[in-house]
Amino acid sequence: MTVDGKVKSLEIYNMAGQKVKNSVDNTVATDGLSKGLYIIKTNNEKGETQSSKLVVN
């Protein structure tokens, strides 16, 4: 995934829409997440939001 500008926050949601991880850094660890499909949402310094699929194996 490519994000325009500096990342302010990252959030990971499960398929039920529950937030399971977040970070205010450019990285977020997937430790503790079960195998499966997640949505990763990024917010940049311009206030723009992008969402992508994340597969944890």
N, C-alpha and C. Protein backbone atom coordinates (compact mmCIF):
# COMPACT_ATOMS: atom_id res chain seq x y z
N MET A 1 0.85 -1.17 0.00
CA MET A 1 0.00 0.00 0.00
C MET A 1 0.89 1.23 0.00
N THR A 2 0.57 2.23 -0.78
CA THR A 2 1.29 3.48 -0.84
C THR A 2 0.40 4.59 -0.31
N VAL A 3 0.95 5.39 0.58
CA VAL A 3 0.19 6.48 1.18
C VAL A 3 0.84 7.79 0.78
N ASP A 4 0.03 8.76 0.33
CA ASP A 4 0.54 10.08 -0.01
C ASP A 4 0.75 10.87 1.27
N GLY A 5 1.94 11.41 1.46
CA GLY A 5 2.23 12.20 2.65
C GLY A 5 2.64 11.34 3.83
N LYS A 6 2.91 11.99 4.94
CA LYS A 6 3.35 11.31 6.15
C LYS A 6 2.15 10.69 6.86
N VAL A 7 2.30 9.45 7.32
CA VAL A 7 1.24 8.74 8.01
C VAL A 7 1.13 9.27 9.44
N LYS A 8 -0.10 9.65 9.84
CA LYS A 8 -0.33 10.10 11.22
C LYS A 8 -0.79 8.94 12.10
N SER A 9 -1.58 8.03 11.52
CA SER A 9 -2.06 6.89 12.31
C SER A 9 -2.43 5.73 11.41
N LEU A 10 -2.35 4.53 11.99
CA LEU A 10 -2.76 3.29 11.34
C LEU A 10 -3.75 2.59 12.25
N GLU A 11 -4.79 2.02 11.67
CA GLU A 11 -5.77 1.26 12.45
C GLU A 11 -6.08 -0.02 11.70
N ILE A 12 -6.20 -1.13 12.43
CA ILE A 12 -6.56 -2.41 11.84
C ILE A 12 -7.90 -2.84 12.40
N TYR A 13 -8.81 -3.19 11.51
CA TYR A 13 -10.16 -3.63 11.88
C TYR A 13 -10.38 -5.06 11.43
N ASN A 14 -11.12 -5.83 12.23
CA ASN A 14 -11.50 -7.17 11.79
C ASN A 14 -12.71 -7.05 10.87
N MET A 15 -13.16 -8.15 10.31
CA MET A 15 -14.25 -8.11 9.33
C MET A 15 -15.60 -7.79 9.98
N ALA A 16 -15.67 -7.80 11.31
CA ALA A 16 -16.89 -7.40 12.02
C ALA A 16 -16.90 -5.89 12.27
N GLY A 17 -15.82 -5.20 11.86
CA GLY A 17 -15.75 -3.76 12.02
C GLY A 17 -15.19 -3.30 13.35
N GLN A 18 -14.66 -4.22 14.14
CA GLN A 18 -14.08 -3.88 15.44
C GLN A 18 -12.61 -3.52 15.28
N LYS A 19 -12.17 -2.41 15.90
CA LYS A 19 -10.77 -2.02 15.85
C LYS A 19 -9.98 -2.99 16.73
N VAL A 20 -8.95 -3.62 16.16
CA VAL A 20 -8.16 -4.60 16.90
C VAL A 20 -6.73 -4.13 17.17
N LYS A 21 -6.23 -3.18 16.41
CA LYS A 21 -4.87 -2.64 16.61
C LYS A 21 -4.86 -1.20 16.12
N ASN A 22 -3.98 -0.39 16.69
CA ASN A 22 -3.76 0.95 16.17
C ASN A 22 -2.34 1.38 16.49
N SER A 23 -1.88 2.41 15.79
CA SER A 23 -0.53 2.91 15.97
C SER A 23 -0.48 4.35 15.50
N VAL A 24 0.35 5.15 16.14
CA VAL A 24 0.58 6.52 15.68
C VAL A 24 1.95 6.61 15.01
N ASP A 25 2.51 5.45 14.73
CA ASP A 25 3.81 5.34 14.08
C ASP A 25 3.56 4.91 12.63
N ASN A 26 4.61 4.75 11.86
CA ASN A 26 4.47 4.29 10.47
C ASN A 26 4.32 2.79 10.37
N THR A 27 4.39 2.07 11.49
CA THR A 27 4.27 0.62 11.48
C THR A 27 3.31 0.17 12.55
N VAL A 28 2.75 -1.00 12.36
CA VAL A 28 1.91 -1.63 13.38
C VAL A 28 2.19 -3.13 13.33
N ALA A 29 2.42 -3.72 14.48
CA ALA A 29 2.71 -5.16 14.55
C ALA A 29 1.43 -5.96 14.44
N THR A 30 1.49 -7.07 13.76
CA THR A 30 0.34 -7.96 13.63
C THR A 30 0.39 -9.09 14.64
N ASP A 31 1.33 -9.01 15.59
CA ASP A 31 1.42 -10.01 16.65
C ASP A 31 0.09 -10.09 17.39
N GLY A 32 -0.34 -11.28 17.67
CA GLY A 32 -1.57 -11.47 18.41
C GLY A 32 -2.83 -11.51 17.56
N LEU A 33 -2.71 -11.19 16.29
CA LEU A 33 -3.88 -11.26 15.40
C LEU A 33 -4.03 -12.68 14.86
N SER A 34 -5.24 -13.16 14.84
CA SER A 34 -5.51 -14.48 14.26
C SER A 34 -5.34 -14.42 12.75
N LYS A 35 -5.06 -15.57 12.15
CA LYS A 35 -4.98 -15.64 10.69
C LYS A 35 -6.31 -15.21 10.11
N GLY A 36 -6.24 -14.46 9.03
CA GLY A 36 -7.47 -14.05 8.37
C GLY A 36 -7.34 -12.72 7.66
N LEU A 37 -8.49 -12.17 7.30
CA LEU A 37 -8.57 -10.94 6.52
C LEU A 37 -8.96 -9.78 7.42
N TYR A 38 -8.26 -8.66 7.25
CA TYR A 38 -8.50 -7.45 8.04
C TYR A 38 -8.53 -6.25 7.10
N ILE A 39 -8.99 -5.13 7.61
CA ILE A 39 -8.93 -3.86 6.89
C ILE A 39 -7.95 -2.97 7.62
N ILE A 40 -6.99 -2.40 6.89
CA ILE A 40 -6.05 -1.46 7.48
C ILE A 40 -6.40 -0.06 6.96
N LYS A 41 -6.55 0.86 7.88
CA LYS A 41 -6.95 2.23 7.56
C LYS A 41 -5.83 3.16 7.97
N THR A 42 -5.38 4.01 7.04
CA THR A 42 -4.31 4.96 7.31
C THR A 42 -4.84 6.38 7.20
N ASN A 43 -4.34 7.23 8.06
CA ASN A 43 -4.66 8.66 8.02
C ASN A 43 -3.34 9.40 7.84
N ASN A 44 -3.29 10.32 6.85
CA ASN A 44 -2.05 11.05 6.61
C ASN A 44 -2.13 12.45 7.20
N GLU A 45 -1.02 13.17 7.10
CA GLU A 45 -0.93 14.51 7.68
C GLU A 45 -1.88 15.51 7.01
N LYS A 46 -2.37 15.20 5.82
CA LYS A 46 -3.31 16.08 5.11
C LYS A 46 -4.75 15.81 5.53
N GLY A 47 -4.95 14.82 6.40
CA GLY A 47 -6.31 14.47 6.84
C GLY A 47 -7.00 13.48 5.91
N GLU A 48 -6.28 12.95 4.94
CA GLU A 48 -6.84 11.98 4.00
C GLU A 48 -6.78 10.58 4.60
N THR A 49 -7.78 9.79 4.28
CA THR A 49 -7.87 8.41 4.79
C THR A 49 -7.85 7.44 3.62
N GLN A 50 -7.08 6.35 3.80
CA GLN A 50 -7.05 5.28 2.80
C GLN A 50 -7.28 3.95 3.51
N SER A 51 -7.99 3.06 2.86
CA SER A 51 -8.25 1.73 3.41
C SER A 51 -7.78 0.67 2.42
N SER A 52 -7.25 -0.42 2.96
CA SER A 52 -6.79 -1.54 2.14
C SER A 52 -7.04 -2.84 2.89
N LYS A 53 -7.03 -3.94 2.15
CA LYS A 53 -7.15 -5.26 2.76
C LYS A 53 -5.81 -5.68 3.31
N LEU A 54 -5.82 -6.42 4.41
CA LEU A 54 -4.62 -6.95 5.03
C LEU A 54 -4.86 -8.42 5.30
N VAL A 55 -3.99 -9.29 4.80
CA VAL A 55 -4.10 -10.73 5.05
C VAL A 55 -3.03 -11.12 6.04
N VAL A 56 -3.43 -11.73 7.15
CA VAL A 56 -2.48 -12.21 8.16
C VAL A 56 -2.41 -13.73 8.01
N ASN A 57 -1.20 -14.24 7.75
CA ASN A 57 -0.98 -15.69 7.59
C ASN A 57 -0.39 -16.29 8.83
